[in-house]
Amino acid sequence: MNNRLRQYLKSGESVTLDFKQTVNSAAKIAKAMVSFANTRGGVLLIGIRDNKSICGVRSEEEKYMLDMAASFYCRPEINIDVQEHQAEGKVVLEVNIPNGAHKPYYAKDEEGKWWVYVRVNDKSLLASKTTVDFLRRQTSQRPTQMEFGHIEKGILEHLSKNERITMAEICHKFNISRRRATRILVNLMSLDVVRSHTTEKTEYYTGV
């Protein structure tokens, strides 16, 4: 086992590292790929159990599934780099996924629907509309132009006194639609004065 693989196993799963025992679904592996591409990039290690033990893979079959996932189940297509490692007489695949230059990236599920995912800690989570719009704004590199009205100032004032605020709270507090709240939040996120935090249950926002 080389030092790089040993270090991966030592550090464990994170926002930039995920272990997979096998690749038996192009749709499921595409979900992990786009979550990395939409966040900071990362590495998939194929042939590793959740407990970090090595089970190995049949490399040609796995490589075919990985290529199919990156090419046909990710939109835009993701250019992955696959390297083989020998460990305990078995083959482990290291799949490097770059931080995407054309966000947001979508993954096709087994029903043919396309979804955006982001990486949060060691999980790939479905992105909210606010996050998708923010990723789209990042890619466009369009300068953010906005006036700080009473709603923008009110959100920042709330966050100066409270730890967080949710979309529902913003809509209720300022009596605005989710669409308008989303537009305001994307602007504030683009100016790096508000940050979005995604969980499995909800999304909330904090001050920077």
Protein backbone atom coordinates (compact mmCIF):
# COMPACT_ATOMS: atom_id res chain seq x y z
CA MET A 1 0.00 0.00 0.00
CA ASN A 2 1.48 3.37 -0.99
CA ASN A 3 1.62 6.40 1.28
CA ARG A 4 -1.17 8.30 -0.49
CA LEU A 5 -3.66 5.48 -0.07
CA ARG A 6 -2.56 5.01 3.52
CA GLN A 7 -3.18 8.71 4.19
CA TYR A 8 -6.64 8.56 2.62
CA LEU A 9 -7.60 5.65 4.87
CA LYS A 10 -6.18 7.41 7.91
CA SER A 11 -8.07 10.65 7.29
CA GLY A 12 -11.44 9.00 6.54
CA GLU A 13 -14.47 10.27 4.67
CA SER A 14 -14.90 14.04 4.49
CA VAL A 15 -16.12 16.88 2.29
CA THR A 16 -13.43 15.89 -0.26
CA LEU A 17 -13.18 12.10 0.23
CA ASP A 18 -15.71 9.28 -0.13
CA PHE A 19 -15.29 5.50 0.15
CA LYS A 20 -17.26 3.12 -2.08
CA GLN A 21 -17.18 -0.66 -1.79
CA THR A 22 -18.19 -1.11 -5.42
CA VAL A 23 -19.82 0.67 -8.36
CA ASN A 24 -23.08 -1.10 -9.13
CA SER A 25 -25.10 1.91 -10.29
CA ALA A 26 -23.97 4.67 -12.66
CA ALA A 27 -26.74 6.91 -11.27
CA LYS A 28 -25.57 6.55 -7.66
CA ILE A 29 -21.91 7.19 -8.47
CA ALA A 30 -22.89 10.22 -10.61
CA LYS A 31 -24.59 11.71 -7.54
CA ALA A 32 -21.27 11.57 -5.66
CA MET A 33 -19.36 12.95 -8.67
CA VAL A 34 -21.55 16.03 -9.11
CA SER A 35 -21.57 16.73 -5.36
CA PHE A 36 -17.76 17.00 -5.49
CA ALA A 37 -17.76 19.01 -8.73
CA ASN A 38 -20.30 21.46 -7.26
CA THR A 39 -18.35 21.92 -4.03
CA ARG A 40 -14.54 21.75 -3.90
CA GLY A 41 -13.69 18.69 -5.94
CA GLY A 42 -12.68 15.45 -4.29
CA VAL A 43 -11.66 11.82 -4.44
CA LEU A 44 -13.73 8.63 -4.64
CA LEU A 45 -11.92 5.52 -3.43
CA ILE A 46 -13.52 2.43 -4.96
CA GLY A 47 -12.88 -0.92 -3.27
CA ILE A 48 -13.01 0.33 0.33
CA ARG A 49 -15.64 -0.63 2.89
CA ASP A 50 -17.15 1.92 5.29
CA ASN A 51 -14.96 0.51 8.07
CA LYS A 52 -11.89 1.34 5.91
CA SER A 53 -11.08 -2.32 5.19
CA ILE A 54 -10.04 -3.18 1.63
CA CYS A 55 -12.32 -5.34 -0.50
CA GLY A 56 -10.86 -4.48 -3.92
CA VAL A 57 -12.58 -4.29 -7.31
CA ARG A 58 -12.56 -5.85 -10.76
CA SER A 59 -10.92 -2.82 -12.30
CA GLU A 60 -12.12 -2.99 -15.91
CA GLU A 61 -15.80 -3.38 -14.98
CA GLU A 62 -15.58 -0.58 -12.44
CA LYS A 63 -13.74 1.75 -14.85
CA TYR A 64 -16.46 1.21 -17.47
CA MET A 65 -19.18 2.14 -14.96
CA LEU A 66 -17.22 5.21 -13.80
CA ASP A 67 -16.75 6.43 -17.38
CA MET A 68 -20.43 5.88 -18.13
CA ALA A 69 -21.45 7.78 -14.99
CA ALA A 70 -19.18 10.75 -15.76
CA SER A 71 -20.16 10.90 -19.44
CA PHE A 72 -23.86 10.05 -19.57
CA TYR A 73 -25.17 10.54 -16.01
CA CYS A 74 -23.49 13.90 -15.30
CA ARG A 75 -24.43 17.15 -17.01
CA PRO A 76 -22.15 18.84 -17.99
CA GLU A 77 -19.84 15.85 -18.47
CA ILE A 78 -17.16 15.56 -15.77
CA ASN A 79 -13.56 14.79 -16.74
CA ILE A 80 -12.40 12.28 -14.14
CA ASP A 81 -8.93 10.88 -13.59
CA VAL A 82 -8.78 7.22 -12.49
CA GLN A 83 -5.67 5.66 -10.95
CA GLU A 84 -5.09 2.10 -9.74
CA HIS A 85 -3.51 1.19 -6.41
CA GLN A 86 -2.41 -2.25 -5.22
CA ALA A 87 -3.20 -2.93 -1.58
CA GLU A 88 -3.20 -6.29 0.22
CA GLY A 89 -3.11 -8.01 -3.17
CA LYS A 90 -6.26 -6.20 -4.32
CA VAL A 91 -7.00 -3.32 -6.70
CA VAL A 92 -8.32 -0.02 -5.32
CA LEU A 93 -9.37 2.75 -7.71
CA GLU A 94 -8.71 6.41 -6.92
CA VAL A 95 -11.14 8.61 -8.85
CA ASN A 96 -10.22 12.30 -8.87
CA ILE A 97 -13.08 14.71 -9.53
CA PRO A 98 -12.08 18.35 -10.17
CA ASN A 99 -13.76 21.39 -8.68
CA GLY A 100 -16.17 22.15 -11.53
CA ALA A 101 -15.71 25.15 -13.80
CA HIS A 102 -19.28 25.00 -15.19
CA LYS A 103 -21.51 24.77 -12.11
CA PRO A 104 -24.14 23.67 -11.39
CA TYR A 105 -23.57 20.01 -12.32
CA TYR A 106 -26.60 17.71 -12.52
CA ALA A 107 -26.81 13.96 -11.92
CA LYS A 108 -29.41 11.76 -13.65
CA ASP A 109 -31.25 9.41 -11.32
CA GLU A 110 -32.54 5.94 -12.18
CA GLU A 111 -35.87 7.43 -13.31
CA GLY A 112 -34.14 9.77 -15.77
CA LYS A 113 -34.61 12.97 -13.72
CA TRP A 114 -31.75 15.44 -13.25
CA TRP A 115 -30.78 16.78 -9.79
CA VAL A 116 -28.08 19.01 -8.30
CA TYR A 117 -26.12 17.75 -5.28
CA VAL A 118 -23.51 19.35 -3.04
CA ARG A 119 -21.03 17.82 -0.64
CA VAL A 120 -21.67 18.55 3.03
CA ASN A 121 -19.19 16.96 5.45
CA ASP A 122 -19.17 13.30 4.36
CA LYS A 123 -22.54 13.26 2.57
CA SER A 124 -23.88 14.16 -0.88
CA LEU A 125 -27.05 16.19 -0.32
CA LEU A 126 -29.71 17.55 -2.67
CA ALA A 127 -29.11 21.26 -3.32
CA SER A 128 -31.85 23.83 -2.69
CA LYS A 129 -33.00 26.28 -5.38
CA THR A 130 -31.03 29.02 -3.61
CA THR A 131 -27.84 26.98 -3.81
CA VAL A 132 -28.45 26.07 -7.48
CA ASP A 133 -29.00 29.75 -8.34
CA PHE A 134 -25.86 30.70 -6.41
CA LEU A 135 -23.78 28.09 -8.28
CA ARG A 136 -25.17 29.41 -11.56
CA ARG A 137 -24.22 32.97 -10.54
CA GLN A 138 -20.67 31.83 -9.70
CA THR A 139 -20.25 30.28 -13.15
CA SER A 140 -21.60 33.34 -14.97
CA GLN A 141 -19.07 35.58 -13.17
CA ARG A 142 -21.64 38.32 -13.60
CA PRO A 143 -21.02 41.17 -11.15
CA THR A 144 -23.61 41.39 -8.39
CA GLN A 145 -25.51 44.66 -8.46
CA MET A 146 -28.05 45.33 -5.74
CA GLU A 147 -29.43 48.03 -3.54
CA PHE A 148 -29.40 47.43 0.19
CA GLY A 149 -33.06 47.99 0.95
CA HIS A 150 -34.87 47.41 4.23
CA ILE A 151 -35.13 43.64 3.63
CA GLU A 152 -31.41 43.17 2.96
CA LYS A 153 -30.55 45.34 5.96
CA GLY A 154 -33.13 43.51 8.04
CA ILE A 155 -31.65 40.08 7.22
CA LEU A 156 -28.14 41.25 8.14
CA GLU A 157 -29.42 42.92 11.31
CA HIS A 158 -31.20 39.71 12.30
CA LEU A 159 -28.02 37.69 11.73
CA SER A 160 -25.98 40.13 13.80
CA LYS A 161 -28.20 39.26 16.78
CA ASN A 162 -29.09 35.64 15.98
CA GLU A 163 -27.04 32.62 14.88
CA ARG A 164 -29.13 31.73 11.83
CA ILE A 165 -32.26 32.33 9.79
CA THR A 166 -34.28 30.06 7.49
CA MET A 167 -36.07 30.78 4.23
CA ALA A 168 -39.46 30.38 5.96
CA GLU A 169 -38.47 32.89 8.64
CA ILE A 170 -37.35 35.43 6.02
CA CYS A 171 -40.61 35.07 4.06
CA HIS A 172 -42.70 35.43 7.23
CA LYS A 173 -40.66 38.23 8.84
CA PHE A 174 -40.59 40.44 5.74
CA ASN A 175 -43.85 39.22 4.12
CA ILE A 176 -42.21 38.32 0.79
CA SER A 177 -42.43 35.35 -1.59
CA ARG A 178 -39.88 32.54 -1.65
CA ARG A 179 -38.89 33.66 -5.14
CA ARG A 180 -38.01 37.17 -3.98
CA ALA A 181 -36.29 35.82 -0.85
CA THR A 182 -34.22 33.47 -3.00
CA ARG A 183 -33.12 36.32 -5.26
CA ILE A 184 -32.09 38.46 -2.27
CA LEU A 185 -30.22 35.59 -0.61
CA VAL A 186 -28.30 34.74 -3.80
CA ASN A 187 -27.20 38.38 -4.01
CA LEU A 188 -26.09 38.41 -0.36
CA MET A 189 -24.25 35.09 -0.82
CA SER A 190 -22.53 36.43 -3.96
CA LEU A 191 -21.31 39.43 -1.95
CA ASP A 192 -20.00 36.97 0.68
CA VAL A 193 -21.93 38.53 3.54
CA VAL A 194 -24.28 35.55 4.02
CA ARG A 195 -23.56 31.83 3.83
CA SER A 196 -25.87 28.94 3.08
CA HIS A 197 -25.77 25.72 5.13
CA THR A 198 -27.48 22.60 3.80
CA THR A 199 -28.58 19.72 6.03
CA GLU A 200 -30.59 16.59 5.30
CA LYS A 201 -33.71 18.28 6.72
CA THR A 202 -33.44 21.97 5.89
CA GLU A 203 -31.30 24.84 4.74
CA TYR A 204 -30.40 27.84 6.86
CA TYR A 205 -28.31 30.97 6.50
CA THR A 206 -25.70 32.63 8.69
CA GLY A 207 -23.71 35.84 8.62
CA VAL A 208 -20.08 35.75 7.55
